[in-house]
């Protein structure tokens, strides 16, 4: 195992590669740094910005700390009013809940997109940042999720209308190459 700086750099590079696999029409992003330690992520999903108003595009800034991946990222709305959500503070900071250092950044960003879609399975009544939004959420269960468009799967790539995913190679002792799974859209 390397030094903490080497571990962080390797993880930042791996996170960048995983982020490339989720870029598309629903999630786009800009990386900051080499390797990137900050991202400006745009979600093209419908979400509420008040109890009566929706917006179809949202931007967040993700800052990966010097202790990444062992410390949760700082996530906040970027240059936009925050969404009206139980896990978003009125100042725009997003409560990301428990952080699992093993989760790649691409997977984490897709989970954020699900939060923006108000996926009911990701609402934690014991970790509320905005009580007004939480009361409204629980009083209006038929409104959620707000957006049902499919989200990207980290590790999947699109090529010519097909999606492929690299599967983990069989044990290295068998000397087989990685297999590809191809799904038609």
Protein backbone atom coordinates (compact mmCIF):
# COMPACT_ATOMS: atom_id res chain seq x y z
CA UNK A 1 0.00 0.00 0.00
CA UNK A 2 1.28 3.47 -0.87
CA UNK A 3 1.44 6.68 1.06
CA UNK A 4 -1.83 8.55 1.75
CA UNK A 5 -0.99 10.93 -1.11
CA UNK A 6 -0.45 8.01 -3.52
CA UNK A 7 -3.72 6.40 -2.41
CA UNK A 8 -5.58 9.67 -2.91
CA UNK A 9 -4.05 10.27 -6.35
CA UNK A 10 -4.87 6.73 -7.51
CA UNK A 11 -8.45 7.13 -6.27
CA UNK A 12 -8.84 10.55 -7.92
CA UNK A 13 -7.67 9.03 -11.22
CA UNK A 14 -10.05 6.08 -10.85
CA UNK A 15 -12.91 8.44 -9.99
CA UNK A 16 -12.18 10.49 -13.11
CA UNK A 17 -12.34 7.37 -15.28
CA UNK A 18 -15.64 6.32 -13.70
CA UNK A 19 -17.04 9.83 -14.17
CA UNK A 20 -16.33 9.56 -17.92
CA UNK A 21 -18.68 6.56 -18.08
CA UNK A 22 -21.70 8.53 -16.80
CA UNK A 23 -21.33 11.63 -18.98
CA UNK A 24 -24.25 12.10 -21.34
CA UNK A 25 -27.51 13.97 -21.79
CA UNK A 26 -28.73 13.46 -18.22
CA UNK A 27 -25.44 14.05 -16.37
CA UNK A 28 -22.65 16.27 -17.65
CA UNK A 29 -19.69 17.69 -15.77
CA UNK A 30 -16.57 19.79 -15.79
CA UNK A 31 -13.46 18.56 -13.94
CA UNK A 32 -11.13 20.89 -12.06
CA UNK A 33 -7.53 19.89 -11.34
CA UNK A 34 -5.16 17.16 -12.52
CA UNK A 35 -6.16 14.67 -11.38
CA UNK A 36 -9.53 16.31 -10.69
CA UNK A 37 -10.40 17.02 -7.07
CA UNK A 38 -13.44 19.17 -7.90
CA UNK A 39 -16.31 18.75 -10.31
CA UNK A 40 -19.15 20.98 -11.48
CA UNK A 41 -21.94 18.53 -12.31
CA UNK A 42 -25.10 19.38 -14.25
CA UNK A 43 -28.19 17.20 -13.83
CA UNK A 44 -30.86 17.45 -16.53
CA UNK A 45 -33.67 16.07 -14.41
CA UNK A 46 -36.94 17.60 -13.23
CA UNK A 47 -36.89 18.60 -9.59
CA UNK A 48 -38.66 21.02 -7.27
CA UNK A 49 -37.14 24.36 -6.27
CA UNK A 50 -40.20 25.21 -4.15
CA UNK A 51 -43.39 23.39 -3.24
CA UNK A 52 -45.03 24.72 -6.42
CA UNK A 53 -42.18 25.33 -8.88
CA UNK A 54 -40.01 22.86 -10.81
CA UNK A 55 -36.78 23.24 -12.75
CA UNK A 56 -35.28 20.81 -15.30
CA UNK A 57 -31.59 21.57 -14.84
CA UNK A 58 -29.49 21.75 -11.69
CA UNK A 59 -25.78 22.22 -11.02
CA UNK A 60 -23.73 21.14 -8.05
CA UNK A 61 -20.13 21.56 -7.07
CA UNK A 62 -18.39 18.53 -5.58
CA UNK A 63 -15.17 19.08 -3.66
CA UNK A 64 -13.06 16.05 -2.78
CA UNK A 65 -11.10 16.72 0.40
CA UNK A 66 -7.37 16.12 0.94
CA UNK A 67 -8.51 13.01 2.85
CA UNK A 68 -10.48 11.61 -0.09
CA UNK A 69 -11.67 8.86 -0.30
CA UNK A 70 -11.84 8.44 3.47
CA UNK A 71 -13.79 11.66 4.03
CA UNK A 72 -17.13 12.40 2.40
CA UNK A 73 -17.19 14.96 -0.41
CA UNK A 74 -18.58 18.43 0.12
CA UNK A 75 -21.55 18.89 -2.22
CA UNK A 76 -23.42 22.15 -2.76
CA UNK A 77 -25.63 23.79 -5.35
CA UNK A 78 -23.52 25.77 -7.82
CA UNK A 79 -24.69 29.20 -8.99
CA UNK A 80 -28.36 28.22 -8.69
CA UNK A 81 -31.06 28.33 -6.08
CA UNK A 82 -31.19 25.05 -4.18
CA UNK A 83 -33.76 22.37 -4.79
CA UNK A 84 -36.55 22.10 -2.22
CA UNK A 85 -35.59 18.75 -0.76
CA UNK A 86 -35.40 17.15 2.69
CA UNK A 87 -31.63 16.58 2.23
CA UNK A 88 -30.70 20.02 0.90
CA UNK A 89 -30.05 22.85 3.32
CA UNK A 90 -31.66 26.19 2.42
CA UNK A 91 -28.12 27.57 1.78
CA UNK A 92 -27.60 24.92 -0.95
CA UNK A 93 -25.37 22.41 0.86
CA UNK A 94 -26.45 18.84 0.23
CA UNK A 95 -26.57 16.29 3.03
CA UNK A 96 -25.03 13.20 1.45
CA UNK A 97 -25.69 10.91 4.40
CA UNK A 98 -23.36 8.05 5.08
CA UNK A 99 -20.26 7.96 2.92
CA UNK A 100 -18.79 4.63 1.89
CA UNK A 101 -15.18 5.22 0.83
CA UNK A 102 -15.42 2.20 -1.48
CA UNK A 103 -18.12 3.84 -3.63
CA UNK A 104 -16.72 5.38 -6.78
CA UNK A 105 -17.47 9.00 -7.60
CA UNK A 106 -19.53 8.09 -10.67
CA UNK A 107 -21.81 5.89 -8.55
CA UNK A 108 -22.05 8.66 -5.97
CA UNK A 109 -23.02 11.22 -8.65
CA UNK A 110 -25.72 8.89 -10.01
CA UNK A 111 -27.04 8.60 -6.45
CA UNK A 112 -27.13 12.42 -6.30
CA UNK A 113 -29.16 12.41 -9.53
CA UNK A 114 -31.61 10.03 -7.86
CA UNK A 115 -31.83 12.45 -4.93
CA UNK A 116 -32.65 15.24 -7.39
CA UNK A 117 -35.36 12.98 -8.85
CA UNK A 118 -36.75 12.57 -5.30
CA UNK A 119 -36.25 8.82 -5.33
CA UNK A 120 -38.29 7.87 -2.23
CA UNK A 121 -35.84 5.08 -1.34
CA UNK A 122 -33.13 7.71 -0.73
CA UNK A 123 -35.13 9.91 1.64
CA UNK A 124 -33.95 9.38 5.22
CA UNK A 125 -36.44 10.73 7.77
CA UNK A 126 -33.70 10.65 10.42
CA UNK A 127 -31.32 12.93 8.51
CA UNK A 128 -33.26 16.04 7.55
CA UNK A 129 -31.63 19.27 6.39
CA UNK A 130 -34.83 21.12 5.41
CA UNK A 131 -37.83 20.36 7.65
CA UNK A 132 -40.26 22.36 5.49
CA UNK A 133 -39.28 20.29 2.45
CA UNK A 134 -39.53 17.08 4.51
CA UNK A 135 -43.06 17.93 5.72
CA UNK A 136 -44.08 18.74 2.14
CA UNK A 137 -42.47 15.53 0.81
CA UNK A 138 -44.33 13.31 3.29
CA UNK A 139 -47.62 15.16 2.68
CA UNK A 140 -47.41 14.64 -1.11
CA UNK A 141 -46.20 11.08 -1.79
CA UNK A 142 -47.89 10.85 -5.21
CA UNK A 143 -45.57 13.55 -6.61
CA UNK A 144 -42.47 11.39 -6.36
CA UNK A 145 -40.23 10.50 -8.02
CA UNK A 146 -40.37 13.75 -10.00
CA UNK A 147 -38.49 12.38 -12.98
CA UNK A 148 -38.35 8.79 -14.18
CA UNK A 149 -35.83 9.07 -17.00
CA UNK A 150 -33.18 6.37 -16.83
CA UNK A 151 -29.84 7.30 -15.31
CA UNK A 152 -26.46 6.11 -16.57
CA UNK A 153 -24.81 3.08 -15.03
CA UNK A 154 -21.20 3.74 -13.98
CA UNK A 155 -18.83 1.62 -16.01
CA UNK A 156 -21.15 1.38 -19.02
CA UNK A 157 -20.10 3.00 -22.29
CA UNK A 158 -22.26 3.77 -25.31
CA UNK A 159 -20.93 3.02 -28.76
CA UNK A 160 -23.07 3.32 -31.89
CA UNK A 161 -26.41 2.76 -30.16
CA UNK A 162 -25.12 -0.16 -28.13
CA UNK A 163 -24.14 -0.27 -24.50
CA UNK A 164 -21.29 -2.39 -23.28
CA UNK A 165 -19.82 -3.04 -19.89
CA UNK A 166 -16.47 -4.56 -19.11
CA UNK A 167 -16.95 -7.42 -16.72
CA UNK A 168 -14.34 -8.31 -14.17
CA UNK A 169 -11.89 -10.78 -15.63
CA UNK A 170 -12.05 -14.35 -14.48
CA UNK A 171 -9.25 -15.19 -12.07
CA UNK A 172 -5.86 -14.22 -13.40
CA UNK A 173 -4.69 -17.82 -13.16
CA UNK A 174 -6.92 -18.77 -16.10
CA UNK A 175 -5.37 -16.03 -18.30
CA UNK A 176 -8.73 -15.18 -19.90
CA UNK A 177 -9.35 -11.71 -21.29
CA UNK A 178 -12.17 -9.53 -19.93
CA UNK A 179 -15.54 -10.30 -21.49
CA UNK A 180 -17.89 -7.71 -22.91
CA UNK A 181 -21.64 -7.77 -22.52
CA UNK A 182 -23.49 -6.03 -25.36
CA UNK A 183 -27.10 -4.88 -24.92
CA UNK A 184 -29.19 -3.42 -27.72
CA UNK A 185 -31.13 -0.27 -26.85
